[in-house]
Amino acid sequence: MGDAEAPRRPPARYVVTPEAAFASVPGGGVVLHLGANRYFQLNETATVIWELLDRGQDVDAIGAMLATRFEIGPEDAARAVADLVARLSDAGLLTRAPGSAP
C-alpha cells in the first residue's frame, strides 16, 4: 500500500469586521476599531497583509506573496501573516470566513 495523501483542507480566509476602518498613511496604514475607539498602526508589511485579507486572499497565498515581494523566507512570511491575523482577530477586527479552514 502506498502513502495516501491526506485530503487538503481549504486555506484559511478571514473577513474584515464592520467595526474596522482602514486608512493608508505614509509607511503603512492605520486600522480603527470603531466600537472600541482603538487604533492599530500597521507597518508596510502589515498593510500589505491587511489589504490582501480585505480582498479575500487566503493566508497561504498572502504568505507566498510576502516571501516573494519582501525577499524573506516562506516560514518568516507565514509567521508574519499568522501573527497579524491573530492580533487583529483578538482585537475583533477580523473573523474567519464562513467555510474557511479552522
N, C-alpha and C. Protein backbone atom coordinates (compact mmCIF):
# COMPACT_ATOMS: atom_id res chain seq x y z
N MET A 1 0.83 -1.18 0.00
CA MET A 1 0.00 0.00 0.00
C MET A 1 0.87 1.24 0.00
N GLY A 2 0.57 2.16 -0.87
CA GLY A 2 1.32 3.40 -0.96
C GLY A 2 0.82 4.42 0.06
N ASP A 3 1.60 5.46 0.19
CA ASP A 3 1.19 6.53 1.08
C ASP A 3 0.04 7.30 0.44
N ALA A 4 -1.07 7.34 1.14
CA ALA A 4 -2.21 8.11 0.64
C ALA A 4 -2.08 9.54 1.15
N GLU A 5 -2.33 10.45 0.25
CA GLU A 5 -2.28 11.86 0.66
C GLU A 5 -3.51 12.19 1.48
N ALA A 6 -3.29 12.90 2.56
CA ALA A 6 -4.41 13.36 3.36
C ALA A 6 -5.17 14.41 2.56
N PRO A 7 -6.49 14.42 2.69
CA PRO A 7 -7.25 15.43 1.96
C PRO A 7 -6.83 16.82 2.41
N ARG A 8 -6.67 17.70 1.45
CA ARG A 8 -6.27 19.07 1.77
C ARG A 8 -7.47 19.86 2.25
N ARG A 9 -7.24 20.59 3.34
CA ARG A 9 -8.28 21.48 3.84
C ARG A 9 -8.22 22.77 3.03
N PRO A 10 -9.36 23.43 2.89
CA PRO A 10 -9.30 24.73 2.21
C PRO A 10 -8.46 25.69 3.04
N PRO A 11 -7.73 26.57 2.39
CA PRO A 11 -6.89 27.52 3.14
C PRO A 11 -7.74 28.48 3.98
N ALA A 12 -7.15 28.95 5.05
CA ALA A 12 -7.85 29.88 5.94
C ALA A 12 -8.03 31.23 5.28
N ARG A 13 -9.23 31.73 5.38
CA ARG A 13 -9.57 33.08 4.90
C ARG A 13 -10.23 33.83 6.03
N TYR A 14 -10.04 35.13 6.02
CA TYR A 14 -10.63 35.98 7.05
C TYR A 14 -11.37 37.13 6.39
N VAL A 15 -12.34 37.67 7.11
CA VAL A 15 -13.06 38.84 6.63
C VAL A 15 -12.91 39.97 7.65
N VAL A 16 -12.87 41.16 7.14
CA VAL A 16 -12.78 42.35 7.98
C VAL A 16 -14.16 42.59 8.59
N THR A 17 -14.20 42.85 9.89
CA THR A 17 -15.47 43.09 10.56
C THR A 17 -15.98 44.50 10.26
N PRO A 18 -17.28 44.71 10.42
CA PRO A 18 -17.84 46.05 10.17
C PRO A 18 -17.30 47.12 11.12
N GLU A 19 -16.72 46.69 12.25
CA GLU A 19 -16.17 47.65 13.21
C GLU A 19 -14.83 48.22 12.79
N ALA A 20 -14.25 47.71 11.69
CA ALA A 20 -12.91 48.12 11.27
C ALA A 20 -12.98 49.18 10.17
N ALA A 21 -12.16 50.20 10.32
CA ALA A 21 -11.98 51.23 9.29
C ALA A 21 -10.48 51.36 9.04
N PHE A 22 -10.08 51.32 7.78
CA PHE A 22 -8.66 51.35 7.42
C PHE A 22 -8.33 52.64 6.67
N ALA A 23 -7.16 53.18 6.94
CA ALA A 23 -6.66 54.33 6.18
C ALA A 23 -5.17 54.12 5.90
N SER A 24 -4.77 54.39 4.67
CA SER A 24 -3.36 54.35 4.30
C SER A 24 -2.69 55.61 4.80
N VAL A 25 -1.48 55.44 5.33
CA VAL A 25 -0.67 56.57 5.75
C VAL A 25 0.74 56.32 5.24
N PRO A 26 1.57 57.35 5.15
CA PRO A 26 2.94 57.12 4.68
C PRO A 26 3.64 56.05 5.52
N GLY A 27 4.18 55.06 4.85
CA GLY A 27 4.91 53.99 5.53
C GLY A 27 4.05 52.87 6.05
N GLY A 28 2.74 52.90 5.80
CA GLY A 28 1.88 51.82 6.28
C GLY A 28 0.42 52.18 6.28
N GLY A 29 -0.24 51.87 7.39
CA GLY A 29 -1.67 52.12 7.48
C GLY A 29 -2.11 52.14 8.93
N VAL A 30 -3.37 52.50 9.12
CA VAL A 30 -3.98 52.54 10.44
C VAL A 30 -5.34 51.86 10.34
N VAL A 31 -5.62 50.96 11.30
CA VAL A 31 -6.93 50.33 11.39
C VAL A 31 -7.57 50.85 12.67
N LEU A 32 -8.76 51.39 12.53
CA LEU A 32 -9.50 51.90 13.68
C LEU A 32 -10.62 50.92 14.01
N HIS A 33 -10.71 50.53 15.28
CA HIS A 33 -11.84 49.72 15.75
C HIS A 33 -12.89 50.72 16.19
N LEU A 34 -13.94 50.88 15.39
CA LEU A 34 -14.94 51.90 15.64
C LEU A 34 -15.70 51.69 16.94
N GLY A 35 -15.95 50.44 17.31
CA GLY A 35 -16.70 50.15 18.53
C GLY A 35 -15.90 50.41 19.79
N ALA A 36 -14.62 50.09 19.74
CA ALA A 36 -13.77 50.24 20.94
C ALA A 36 -13.00 51.55 20.94
N ASN A 37 -13.05 52.28 19.83
CA ASN A 37 -12.31 53.54 19.71
C ASN A 37 -10.81 53.33 19.92
N ARG A 38 -10.29 52.22 19.40
CA ARG A 38 -8.86 51.90 19.47
C ARG A 38 -8.31 51.87 18.05
N TYR A 39 -7.04 52.20 17.91
CA TYR A 39 -6.44 52.09 16.59
C TYR A 39 -5.18 51.25 16.65
N PHE A 40 -4.85 50.69 15.49
CA PHE A 40 -3.68 49.83 15.34
C PHE A 40 -2.87 50.38 14.18
N GLN A 41 -1.65 50.75 14.45
CA GLN A 41 -0.76 51.24 13.41
C GLN A 41 -0.09 50.05 12.74
N LEU A 42 -0.10 50.03 11.41
CA LEU A 42 0.48 48.94 10.64
C LEU A 42 1.69 49.43 9.86
N ASN A 43 2.76 48.64 9.88
CA ASN A 43 3.91 48.98 9.04
C ASN A 43 3.60 48.57 7.60
N GLU A 44 4.55 48.74 6.70
CA GLU A 44 4.31 48.46 5.29
C GLU A 44 3.91 47.00 5.06
N THR A 45 4.61 46.08 5.70
CA THR A 45 4.31 44.66 5.52
C THR A 45 2.91 44.33 6.04
N ALA A 46 2.58 44.81 7.23
CA ALA A 46 1.27 44.55 7.81
C ALA A 46 0.16 45.18 6.96
N THR A 47 0.44 46.32 6.36
CA THR A 47 -0.55 46.96 5.49
C THR A 47 -0.82 46.11 4.26
N VAL A 48 0.22 45.52 3.68
CA VAL A 48 0.04 44.63 2.53
C VAL A 48 -0.82 43.43 2.95
N ILE A 49 -0.52 42.85 4.11
CA ILE A 49 -1.31 41.72 4.60
C ILE A 49 -2.76 42.13 4.77
N TRP A 50 -3.01 43.27 5.42
CA TRP A 50 -4.38 43.76 5.64
C TRP A 50 -5.12 43.91 4.32
N GLU A 51 -4.50 44.57 3.36
CA GLU A 51 -5.16 44.82 2.08
C GLU A 51 -5.50 43.52 1.36
N LEU A 52 -4.61 42.53 1.43
CA LEU A 52 -4.88 41.24 0.79
C LEU A 52 -5.97 40.47 1.52
N LEU A 53 -5.98 40.52 2.85
CA LEU A 53 -7.07 39.90 3.61
C LEU A 53 -8.39 40.55 3.24
N ASP A 54 -8.39 41.87 3.13
CA ASP A 54 -9.61 42.61 2.78
C ASP A 54 -10.12 42.26 1.39
N ARG A 55 -9.21 41.83 0.51
CA ARG A 55 -9.59 41.42 -0.86
C ARG A 55 -9.99 39.95 -0.93
N GLY A 56 -9.95 39.25 0.22
CA GLY A 56 -10.38 37.86 0.25
C GLY A 56 -9.31 36.83 -0.02
N GLN A 57 -8.05 37.23 -0.03
CA GLN A 57 -6.96 36.27 -0.25
C GLN A 57 -6.83 35.36 0.97
N ASP A 58 -6.44 34.11 0.74
CA ASP A 58 -6.23 33.20 1.86
C ASP A 58 -4.83 33.41 2.44
N VAL A 59 -4.64 32.96 3.67
CA VAL A 59 -3.39 33.22 4.37
C VAL A 59 -2.19 32.56 3.70
N ASP A 60 -2.38 31.40 3.08
CA ASP A 60 -1.27 30.74 2.38
C ASP A 60 -0.79 31.57 1.19
N ALA A 61 -1.73 32.08 0.42
CA ALA A 61 -1.39 32.91 -0.75
C ALA A 61 -0.72 34.21 -0.30
N ILE A 62 -1.19 34.78 0.79
CA ILE A 62 -0.60 36.02 1.30
C ILE A 62 0.84 35.76 1.74
N GLY A 63 1.06 34.66 2.45
CA GLY A 63 2.42 34.32 2.88
C GLY A 63 3.36 34.13 1.70
N ALA A 64 2.90 33.44 0.66
CA ALA A 64 3.73 33.22 -0.53
C ALA A 64 4.05 34.55 -1.22
N MET A 65 3.07 35.44 -1.29
CA MET A 65 3.29 36.74 -1.92
C MET A 65 4.27 37.58 -1.12
N LEU A 66 4.16 37.54 0.21
CA LEU A 66 5.08 38.31 1.06
C LEU A 66 6.51 37.82 0.89
N ALA A 67 6.68 36.49 0.85
CA ALA A 67 8.01 35.91 0.71
C ALA A 67 8.67 36.42 -0.57
N THR A 68 7.91 36.49 -1.64
CA THR A 68 8.44 36.96 -2.92
C THR A 68 8.68 38.47 -2.89
N ARG A 69 7.68 39.22 -2.47
CA ARG A 69 7.77 40.68 -2.53
C ARG A 69 8.85 41.25 -1.62
N PHE A 70 8.98 40.70 -0.42
CA PHE A 70 9.93 41.24 0.54
C PHE A 70 11.21 40.41 0.66
N GLU A 71 11.33 39.40 -0.20
CA GLU A 71 12.52 38.54 -0.25
C GLU A 71 12.86 37.99 1.13
N ILE A 72 11.87 37.33 1.74
CA ILE A 72 12.06 36.68 3.03
C ILE A 72 11.71 35.21 2.88
N GLY A 73 12.12 34.42 3.84
CA GLY A 73 11.82 33.00 3.80
C GLY A 73 10.33 32.73 3.96
N PRO A 74 9.85 31.63 3.39
CA PRO A 74 8.42 31.30 3.48
C PRO A 74 7.94 31.13 4.92
N GLU A 75 8.80 30.58 5.79
CA GLU A 75 8.40 30.40 7.19
C GLU A 75 8.23 31.75 7.89
N ASP A 76 9.15 32.68 7.61
CA ASP A 76 9.04 34.02 8.20
C ASP A 76 7.79 34.74 7.69
N ALA A 77 7.51 34.57 6.41
CA ALA A 77 6.32 35.21 5.83
C ALA A 77 5.05 34.64 6.44
N ALA A 78 4.99 33.31 6.55
CA ALA A 78 3.80 32.67 7.13
C ALA A 78 3.61 33.11 8.58
N ARG A 79 4.71 33.22 9.32
CA ARG A 79 4.65 33.65 10.72
C ARG A 79 4.15 35.09 10.82
N ALA A 80 4.60 35.97 9.92
CA ALA A 80 4.15 37.37 9.93
C ALA A 80 2.64 37.45 9.70
N VAL A 81 2.16 36.65 8.75
CA VAL A 81 0.72 36.64 8.46
C VAL A 81 -0.05 36.11 9.67
N ALA A 82 0.40 34.97 10.21
CA ALA A 82 -0.30 34.36 11.35
C ALA A 82 -0.32 35.29 12.56
N ASP A 83 0.80 35.95 12.83
CA ASP A 83 0.87 36.85 13.98
C ASP A 83 -0.09 38.03 13.84
N LEU A 84 -0.13 38.63 12.65
CA LEU A 84 -1.02 39.77 12.44
C LEU A 84 -2.48 39.33 12.49
N VAL A 85 -2.79 38.22 11.85
CA VAL A 85 -4.16 37.71 11.87
C VAL A 85 -4.60 37.44 13.31
N ALA A 86 -3.75 36.83 14.10
CA ALA A 86 -4.10 36.54 15.50
C ALA A 86 -4.34 37.84 16.28
N ARG A 87 -3.45 38.80 16.10
CA ARG A 87 -3.57 40.07 16.82
C ARG A 87 -4.86 40.81 16.45
N LEU A 88 -5.15 40.87 15.16
CA LEU A 88 -6.34 41.61 14.71
C LEU A 88 -7.62 40.83 14.98
N SER A 89 -7.55 39.51 14.96
CA SER A 89 -8.72 38.69 15.31
C SER A 89 -9.04 38.88 16.79
N ASP A 90 -8.01 38.82 17.63
CA ASP A 90 -8.20 39.02 19.07
C ASP A 90 -8.80 40.40 19.37
N ALA A 91 -8.47 41.37 18.53
CA ALA A 91 -8.98 42.73 18.73
C ALA A 91 -10.38 42.93 18.16
N GLY A 92 -10.93 41.88 17.49
CA GLY A 92 -12.27 41.99 16.92
C GLY A 92 -12.32 42.66 15.57
N LEU A 93 -11.20 42.71 14.87
CA LEU A 93 -11.15 43.37 13.56
C LEU A 93 -11.23 42.40 12.40
N LEU A 94 -10.97 41.11 12.65
CA LEU A 94 -11.07 40.06 11.63
C LEU A 94 -11.86 38.90 12.21
N THR A 95 -12.59 38.22 11.35
CA THR A 95 -13.23 36.95 11.72
C THR A 95 -12.95 35.94 10.62
N ARG A 96 -12.97 34.67 10.98
CA ARG A 96 -12.75 33.62 9.99
C ARG A 96 -13.92 33.61 9.01
N ALA A 97 -13.60 33.52 7.74
CA ALA A 97 -14.64 33.50 6.69
C ALA A 97 -15.46 32.22 6.79
N PRO A 98 -16.74 32.29 6.49
CA PRO A 98 -17.56 31.08 6.50
C PRO A 98 -16.97 30.02 5.56
N GLY A 99 -16.90 28.77 6.02
CA GLY A 99 -16.39 27.70 5.22
C GLY A 99 -14.88 27.62 5.16
N SER A 100 -14.20 28.51 5.88
CA SER A 100 -12.74 28.53 5.89
C SER A 100 -12.21 27.48 6.84
N ALA A 101 -11.00 27.01 6.55
CA ALA A 101 -10.37 26.00 7.41
C ALA A 101 -10.14 26.56 8.81
N PRO A 102 -10.27 25.72 9.81
CA PRO A 102 -10.01 26.18 11.18
C PRO A 102 -8.53 26.40 11.42
